[in-house]
């Protein structure tokens, strides 16, 4: 019986992940339609690149280590796994109004976790370290 419940939970997770990717695709289409022509296509390749860059930043990464790095002018952000350093730099410039001096990225591997005897997976992803000039700041809150 436990095996059937596990299969059912896995199917629910798959459908949930599918819905999340559909939502992200709808957001992308809405942004492109807003800035592009009425046909649903971007007005130019530059518009499409800037829209993709803006969507590449997911959220600020607030941890103890990130807080210590913020004091030194390095900000940590969660980004899409396919985002490049150039896209991240453009997104930071557009969203926060500061020009990064350096952008470093690191992949986060998925990890297996156990809770109350049950196994689960902590999702992986990608994080970006944004280095700014002395005196520049990003307001995250």
N, C-alpha and C. Protein backbone atom coordinates (compact mmCIF):
# COMPACT_ATOMS: atom_id res chain seq x y z
N UNK A 1 0.81 -1.19 0.00
CA UNK A 1 0.00 0.00 0.00
C UNK A 1 0.86 1.26 0.00
N UNK A 2 1.98 1.20 0.72
CA UNK A 2 2.87 2.36 0.80
C UNK A 2 3.47 2.68 -0.57
N UNK A 3 3.72 1.64 -1.35
CA UNK A 3 4.30 1.86 -2.69
C UNK A 3 3.31 2.60 -3.57
N UNK A 4 2.03 2.26 -3.47
CA UNK A 4 1.02 2.95 -4.28
C UNK A 4 0.92 4.42 -3.88
N UNK A 5 0.98 4.69 -2.56
CA UNK A 5 0.93 6.08 -2.11
C UNK A 5 2.13 6.87 -2.61
N UNK A 6 3.31 6.24 -2.62
CA UNK A 6 4.52 6.90 -3.09
C UNK A 6 4.41 7.22 -4.57
N UNK A 7 3.87 6.27 -5.36
CA UNK A 7 3.68 6.53 -6.79
C UNK A 7 2.71 7.68 -7.01
N UNK A 8 1.65 7.72 -6.21
CA UNK A 8 0.65 8.78 -6.33
C UNK A 8 1.27 10.14 -6.02
N UNK A 9 2.10 10.21 -4.96
CA UNK A 9 2.76 11.46 -4.60
C UNK A 9 3.71 11.91 -5.70
N UNK A 10 4.45 10.95 -6.30
CA UNK A 10 5.37 11.30 -7.39
C UNK A 10 4.62 11.86 -8.59
N UNK A 11 3.47 11.28 -8.90
CA UNK A 11 2.66 11.79 -10.02
C UNK A 11 2.16 13.20 -9.72
N UNK A 12 1.76 13.46 -8.46
CA UNK A 12 1.30 14.79 -8.08
C UNK A 12 2.43 15.81 -8.23
N UNK A 13 3.65 15.42 -7.83
CA UNK A 13 4.80 16.32 -7.95
C UNK A 13 5.08 16.64 -9.40
N UNK A 14 4.99 15.62 -10.27
CA UNK A 14 5.26 15.85 -11.69
C UNK A 14 4.26 16.83 -12.28
N UNK A 15 2.98 16.67 -11.95
CA UNK A 15 1.99 17.59 -12.49
C UNK A 15 2.19 18.99 -11.93
N UNK A 16 2.59 19.08 -10.66
CA UNK A 16 2.85 20.38 -10.04
C UNK A 16 4.03 21.07 -10.73
N UNK A 17 5.10 20.32 -11.02
CA UNK A 17 6.25 20.90 -11.71
C UNK A 17 5.87 21.34 -13.11
N UNK A 18 5.03 20.56 -13.77
CA UNK A 18 4.58 20.94 -15.11
C UNK A 18 3.79 22.23 -15.10
N UNK A 19 2.95 22.41 -14.08
CA UNK A 19 2.16 23.64 -13.97
C UNK A 19 3.06 24.84 -13.72
N UNK A 20 4.13 24.65 -12.90
CA UNK A 20 5.05 25.76 -12.63
C UNK A 20 5.75 26.20 -13.91
N UNK A 21 6.17 25.25 -14.74
CA UNK A 21 6.85 25.62 -15.98
C UNK A 21 5.86 26.29 -16.95
N UNK A 22 4.60 25.87 -16.91
CA UNK A 22 3.59 26.52 -17.75
C UNK A 22 3.38 27.96 -17.30
N UNK A 23 3.36 28.18 -15.97
CA UNK A 23 3.21 29.53 -15.46
C UNK A 23 4.36 30.41 -15.89
N UNK A 24 5.59 29.88 -15.81
CA UNK A 24 6.77 30.65 -16.22
C UNK A 24 6.69 30.99 -17.71
N UNK A 25 6.24 30.04 -18.53
CA UNK A 25 6.10 30.29 -19.96
C UNK A 25 5.05 31.38 -20.23
N UNK A 26 3.94 31.34 -19.48
CA UNK A 26 2.90 32.36 -19.66
C UNK A 26 3.43 33.74 -19.28
N UNK A 27 4.23 33.82 -18.20
CA UNK A 27 4.82 35.09 -17.81
C UNK A 27 5.71 35.62 -18.92
N UNK A 28 6.52 34.74 -19.50
CA UNK A 28 7.44 35.14 -20.56
C UNK A 28 6.65 35.67 -21.76
N UNK A 29 5.58 34.98 -22.14
CA UNK A 29 4.77 35.42 -23.26
C UNK A 29 4.13 36.77 -22.96
N UNK A 30 3.66 36.96 -21.72
CA UNK A 30 3.04 38.23 -21.35
C UNK A 30 4.04 39.38 -21.44
N UNK A 31 5.25 39.15 -20.98
CA UNK A 31 6.28 40.19 -21.04
C UNK A 31 6.63 40.51 -22.48
N UNK A 32 6.76 39.48 -23.31
CA UNK A 32 7.11 39.68 -24.71
C UNK A 32 5.99 40.43 -25.42
N UNK A 33 4.72 40.05 -25.16
CA UNK A 33 3.60 40.73 -25.80
C UNK A 33 3.50 42.18 -25.35
N UNK A 34 3.82 42.44 -24.09
CA UNK A 34 3.75 43.80 -23.57
C UNK A 34 4.78 44.70 -24.25
N UNK A 35 5.99 44.20 -24.45
CA UNK A 35 7.07 45.01 -25.01
C UNK A 35 7.23 44.84 -26.51
N UNK A 36 6.66 43.80 -27.06
CA UNK A 36 6.86 43.53 -28.48
C UNK A 36 5.70 44.01 -29.32
N UNK A 37 5.64 43.50 -30.53
CA UNK A 37 4.57 43.87 -31.45
C UNK A 37 3.31 43.09 -31.08
N UNK A 38 2.20 43.41 -31.72
CA UNK A 38 0.92 42.77 -31.42
C UNK A 38 0.87 41.31 -31.83
N UNK A 39 1.85 40.85 -32.60
CA UNK A 39 1.85 39.47 -33.05
C UNK A 39 2.30 38.50 -31.98
N UNK A 40 2.76 39.00 -30.84
CA UNK A 40 3.26 38.13 -29.79
C UNK A 40 4.75 37.90 -29.87
N UNK A 41 5.38 38.45 -30.90
CA UNK A 41 6.82 38.32 -31.05
C UNK A 41 7.50 39.60 -30.60
N UNK A 42 8.71 39.51 -30.09
CA UNK A 42 9.39 40.74 -29.66
C UNK A 42 9.66 41.65 -30.85
N UNK A 43 9.71 42.95 -30.56
CA UNK A 43 9.94 43.93 -31.63
C UNK A 43 11.33 43.74 -32.23
N UNK A 44 12.30 43.35 -31.42
CA UNK A 44 13.64 43.11 -31.94
C UNK A 44 14.32 42.06 -31.09
N UNK A 45 15.45 41.60 -31.55
CA UNK A 45 16.21 40.60 -30.80
C UNK A 45 16.70 41.18 -29.48
N UNK A 46 16.99 42.49 -29.46
CA UNK A 46 17.45 43.14 -28.23
C UNK A 46 16.34 43.12 -27.18
N UNK A 47 15.08 43.36 -27.58
CA UNK A 47 13.95 43.30 -26.65
C UNK A 47 13.83 41.91 -26.05
N UNK A 48 13.96 40.90 -26.90
CA UNK A 48 13.84 39.52 -26.42
C UNK A 48 14.95 39.20 -25.44
N UNK A 49 16.17 39.64 -25.74
CA UNK A 49 17.30 39.38 -24.85
C UNK A 49 17.12 40.09 -23.51
N UNK A 50 16.63 41.32 -23.53
CA UNK A 50 16.44 42.04 -22.27
C UNK A 50 15.32 41.42 -21.45
N UNK A 51 14.26 40.95 -22.10
CA UNK A 51 13.17 40.28 -21.38
C UNK A 51 13.67 38.99 -20.75
N UNK A 52 14.44 38.23 -21.49
CA UNK A 52 15.00 36.98 -20.96
C UNK A 52 15.92 37.29 -19.78
N UNK A 53 16.71 38.35 -19.91
CA UNK A 53 17.62 38.72 -18.84
C UNK A 53 16.85 39.10 -17.58
N UNK A 54 15.77 39.87 -17.73
CA UNK A 54 14.98 40.28 -16.56
C UNK A 54 14.37 39.09 -15.85
N UNK A 55 13.98 38.07 -16.61
CA UNK A 55 13.37 36.89 -16.01
C UNK A 55 14.40 35.94 -15.41
N UNK A 56 15.70 36.17 -15.68
CA UNK A 56 16.71 35.22 -15.21
C UNK A 56 16.94 35.29 -13.70
N UNK A 57 16.64 36.43 -13.06
CA UNK A 57 16.79 36.54 -11.60
C UNK A 57 15.51 36.06 -10.93
N UNK A 58 15.63 35.07 -10.06
CA UNK A 58 14.47 34.54 -9.35
C UNK A 58 14.21 35.28 -8.05
N UNK A 59 15.23 35.34 -7.18
CA UNK A 59 15.06 35.97 -5.86
C UNK A 59 16.42 36.19 -5.23
N UNK A 60 16.50 37.09 -4.26
CA UNK A 60 17.75 37.22 -3.51
C UNK A 60 17.94 36.01 -2.61
N UNK A 61 19.16 35.62 -2.39
CA UNK A 61 19.47 34.47 -1.54
C UNK A 61 19.89 35.01 -0.17
N UNK A 62 19.03 34.85 0.82
CA UNK A 62 19.27 35.40 2.15
C UNK A 62 19.71 34.26 3.06
N UNK A 63 21.00 34.19 3.32
CA UNK A 63 21.58 33.21 4.23
C UNK A 63 22.62 33.93 5.08
N UNK A 64 23.18 33.20 6.04
CA UNK A 64 24.22 33.81 6.88
C UNK A 64 25.43 34.18 6.04
N UNK A 65 25.85 33.28 5.19
CA UNK A 65 27.02 33.55 4.35
C UNK A 65 26.76 34.73 3.41
N UNK A 66 25.56 34.76 2.82
CA UNK A 66 25.22 35.85 1.91
C UNK A 66 25.20 37.19 2.65
N UNK A 67 24.73 37.18 3.90
CA UNK A 67 24.71 38.41 4.69
C UNK A 67 26.12 38.91 4.97
N UNK A 68 27.03 38.01 5.26
CA UNK A 68 28.43 38.40 5.48
C UNK A 68 29.05 38.95 4.20
N UNK A 69 28.73 38.34 3.06
CA UNK A 69 29.26 38.81 1.78
C UNK A 69 28.70 40.18 1.41
N UNK A 70 27.44 40.45 1.81
CA UNK A 70 26.83 41.74 1.49
C UNK A 70 27.61 42.90 2.09
N UNK A 71 28.18 42.66 3.27
CA UNK A 71 28.96 43.71 3.92
C UNK A 71 30.21 44.07 3.11
N UNK A 72 30.66 43.14 2.30
CA UNK A 72 31.86 43.35 1.48
C UNK A 72 31.54 43.75 0.04
N UNK A 73 30.25 43.96 -0.26
CA UNK A 73 29.87 44.40 -1.60
C UNK A 73 29.60 43.28 -2.59
N UNK A 74 29.33 42.07 -2.08
CA UNK A 74 28.99 40.93 -2.94
C UNK A 74 27.59 40.46 -2.60
N UNK A 75 26.69 40.47 -3.57
CA UNK A 75 25.31 40.07 -3.35
C UNK A 75 25.06 38.73 -4.01
N UNK A 76 24.25 37.89 -3.37
CA UNK A 76 23.97 36.55 -3.86
C UNK A 76 22.51 36.47 -4.28
N UNK A 77 22.27 35.97 -5.51
CA UNK A 77 20.92 35.86 -6.05
C UNK A 77 20.70 34.46 -6.59
N UNK A 78 19.48 33.94 -6.45
CA UNK A 78 19.10 32.70 -7.13
C UNK A 78 18.71 33.07 -8.55
N UNK A 79 19.20 32.31 -9.52
CA UNK A 79 18.92 32.60 -10.92
C UNK A 79 18.43 31.33 -11.61
N UNK A 80 17.89 31.49 -12.81
CA UNK A 80 17.47 30.33 -13.59
C UNK A 80 18.68 29.48 -13.95
N UNK A 81 18.52 28.15 -14.00
CA UNK A 81 19.66 27.29 -14.31
C UNK A 81 20.31 27.56 -15.67
N UNK A 82 19.57 28.08 -16.63
CA UNK A 82 20.12 28.35 -17.95
C UNK A 82 20.66 29.76 -18.13
N UNK A 83 20.65 30.57 -17.09
CA UNK A 83 21.06 31.97 -17.21
C UNK A 83 22.57 32.08 -17.37
N UNK A 84 23.00 33.00 -18.22
CA UNK A 84 24.42 33.23 -18.43
C UNK A 84 24.87 34.45 -17.63
N UNK A 85 26.18 34.63 -17.52
CA UNK A 85 26.72 35.76 -16.75
C UNK A 85 26.29 37.10 -17.37
N UNK A 86 26.28 37.17 -18.67
CA UNK A 86 25.87 38.39 -19.36
C UNK A 86 24.41 38.73 -19.09
N UNK A 87 23.53 37.73 -19.16
CA UNK A 87 22.11 37.95 -18.88
C UNK A 87 21.91 38.41 -17.44
N UNK A 88 22.65 37.81 -16.52
CA UNK A 88 22.52 38.17 -15.11
C UNK A 88 22.98 39.61 -14.90
N UNK A 89 24.09 39.99 -15.53
CA UNK A 89 24.59 41.36 -15.41
C UNK A 89 23.58 42.36 -15.96
N UNK A 90 22.96 42.06 -17.13
CA UNK A 90 21.94 42.95 -17.71
C UNK A 90 20.72 43.05 -16.80
N UNK A 91 20.33 41.93 -16.20
CA UNK A 91 19.16 41.93 -15.32
C UNK A 91 19.43 42.76 -14.06
N UNK A 92 20.62 42.66 -13.49
CA UNK A 92 20.97 43.45 -12.31
C UNK A 92 20.97 44.93 -12.67
N UNK A 93 21.52 45.27 -13.84
CA UNK A 93 21.55 46.65 -14.29
C UNK A 93 20.13 47.19 -14.46
N UNK A 94 19.24 46.39 -15.05
CA UNK A 94 17.88 46.83 -15.31
C UNK A 94 17.03 46.87 -14.04
N UNK A 95 17.16 45.87 -13.21
CA UNK A 95 16.29 45.76 -12.04
C UNK A 95 16.72 46.64 -10.88
N UNK A 96 18.02 46.69 -10.60
CA UNK A 96 18.50 47.40 -9.42
C UNK A 96 19.21 48.71 -9.74
N UNK A 97 19.52 48.98 -10.99
CA UNK A 97 20.13 50.24 -11.38
C UNK A 97 21.60 50.39 -11.02
N UNK A 98 22.30 49.28 -10.81
CA UNK A 98 23.74 49.32 -10.54
C UNK A 98 24.45 48.43 -11.55
N UNK A 99 25.68 48.79 -11.88
CA UNK A 99 26.46 48.01 -12.83
C UNK A 99 27.42 47.10 -12.08
N UNK A 100 27.30 45.79 -12.26
CA UNK A 100 28.21 44.88 -11.55
C UNK A 100 29.61 44.93 -12.13
N UNK A 101 30.60 44.83 -11.24
CA UNK A 101 32.00 44.76 -11.65
C UNK A 101 32.33 43.35 -12.12
N UNK A 102 31.77 42.37 -11.42
CA UNK A 102 32.06 40.98 -11.72
C UNK A 102 30.84 40.14 -11.38
N UNK A 103 30.59 39.09 -12.17
CA UNK A 103 29.51 38.15 -11.91
C UNK A 103 30.12 36.75 -11.90
N UNK A 104 29.88 36.01 -10.83
CA UNK A 104 30.32 34.62 -10.73
C UNK A 104 29.08 33.76 -10.49
N UNK A 105 29.05 32.58 -11.09
CA UNK A 105 27.91 31.69 -10.92
C UNK A 105 28.38 30.36 -10.35
N UNK A 106 27.48 29.70 -9.62
CA UNK A 106 27.76 28.39 -9.05
C UNK A 106 26.50 27.54 -9.15
N UNK A 107 26.67 26.29 -9.54
CA UNK A 107 25.54 25.37 -9.60
C UNK A 107 25.31 24.76 -8.23
N UNK A 108 24.06 24.57 -7.89
CA UNK A 108 23.69 23.93 -6.64
C UNK A 108 23.16 22.55 -6.98
N UNK A 109 23.81 21.52 -6.48
CA UNK A 109 23.41 20.16 -6.77
C UNK A 109 22.17 19.78 -5.96
N UNK A 110 21.25 18.98 -6.53
CA UNK A 110 20.12 18.49 -5.74
C UNK A 110 20.63 17.55 -4.64
N UNK A 111 19.99 17.61 -3.49
CA UNK A 111 20.43 16.80 -2.36
C UNK A 111 19.29 15.92 -1.86
N UNK A 112 19.66 14.71 -1.43
CA UNK A 112 18.67 13.80 -0.88
C UNK A 112 18.54 14.07 0.62
N UNK A 113 17.32 14.23 1.09
CA UNK A 113 17.05 14.51 2.50
C UNK A 113 16.10 13.46 3.04
N UNK A 114 16.14 13.28 4.38
CA UNK A 114 15.22 12.37 5.04
C UNK A 114 14.49 13.13 6.14
N UNK A 115 13.20 12.91 6.21
CA UNK A 115 12.41 13.53 7.26
C UNK A 115 11.39 12.52 7.75
N UNK A 116 11.44 12.21 9.04
CA UNK A 116 10.55 11.23 9.65
C UNK A 116 10.61 9.89 8.92
N UNK A 117 11.80 9.51 8.52
CA UNK A 117 12.00 8.21 7.88
C UNK A 117 11.66 8.17 6.41
N UNK A 118 11.21 9.27 5.84
CA UNK A 118 10.85 9.29 4.41
C UNK A 118 11.92 10.05 3.65
N UNK A 119 12.19 9.59 2.47
CA UNK A 119 13.19 10.23 1.61
C UNK A 119 12.53 11.31 0.76
N UNK A 120 13.32 12.31 0.50
CA UNK A 120 12.86 13.38 -0.37
C UNK A 120 14.06 14.03 -1.03
N UNK A 121 13.81 14.87 -2.00
CA UNK A 121 14.89 15.55 -2.70
C UNK A 121 14.74 17.05 -2.50
N UNK A 122 15.87 17.67 -2.20
CA UNK A 122 15.93 19.12 -2.13
C UNK A 122 16.38 19.58 -3.51
N UNK A 123 15.61 20.44 -4.17
CA UNK A 123 15.97 20.77 -5.56
C UNK A 123 17.27 21.55 -5.66
N UNK A 124 17.93 21.37 -6.75
CA UNK A 124 19.16 22.12 -7.01
C UNK A 124 18.83 23.45 -7.66
N UNK A 125 19.78 24.02 -8.35
CA UNK A 125 19.57 25.29 -9.02
C UNK A 125 20.88 25.96 -9.35
N UNK A 126 20.85 27.27 -9.39
CA UNK A 126 22.03 28.04 -9.72
C UNK A 126 21.99 29.34 -8.94
N UNK A 127 23.14 29.77 -8.43
CA UNK A 127 23.21 31.05 -7.73
C UNK A 127 24.29 31.90 -8.36
N UNK A 128 24.08 33.20 -8.27
CA UNK A 128 25.02 34.15 -8.85
C UNK A 128 25.56 35.05 -7.76
N UNK A 129 26.85 35.32 -7.81
CA UNK A 129 27.50 36.26 -6.90
C UNK A 129 27.76 37.54 -7.69
N UNK A 130 27.16 38.64 -7.26
CA UNK A 130 27.27 39.92 -7.95
C UNK A 130 28.20 40.81 -7.14
N UNK A 131 29.32 41.19 -7.73
CA UNK A 131 30.29 42.07 -7.07
C UNK A 131 30.08 43.49 -7.59
N UNK A 132 29.94 44.45 -6.65
CA UNK A 132 29.71 45.84 -7.01
C UNK A 132 30.89 46.71 -6.61
N UNK A 133 30.94 47.93 -7.20
CA UNK A 133 31.97 48.89 -6.83
C UNK A 133 31.77 49.32 -5.38
N UNK A 134 32.85 49.84 -4.80
CA UNK A 134 32.78 50.38 -3.44
C UNK A 134 31.77 51.52 -3.42
N UNK A 135 30.80 51.46 -2.52
CA UNK A 135 29.80 52.51 -2.40
C UNK A 135 28.48 52.17 -3.07
N UNK A 136 28.45 51.27 -4.06
CA UNK A 136 27.19 50.84 -4.68
C UNK A 136 26.49 49.84 -3.77
N UNK A 137 25.16 49.91 -3.74
CA UNK A 137 24.37 48.99 -2.92
C UNK A 137 23.14 48.57 -3.67
N UNK A 138 22.64 47.39 -3.32
CA UNK A 138 21.36 46.89 -3.83
C UNK A 138 20.43 46.80 -2.63
N UNK A 139 19.24 47.38 -2.76
CA UNK A 139 18.24 47.31 -1.70
C UNK A 139 17.40 46.07 -1.94
N UNK A 140 17.60 45.02 -1.13
CA UNK A 140 16.90 43.75 -1.33
C UNK A 140 15.56 43.68 -0.63
N UNK A 141 15.37 44.43 0.41
CA UNK A 141 14.12 44.37 1.18
C UNK A 141 13.22 45.52 0.86
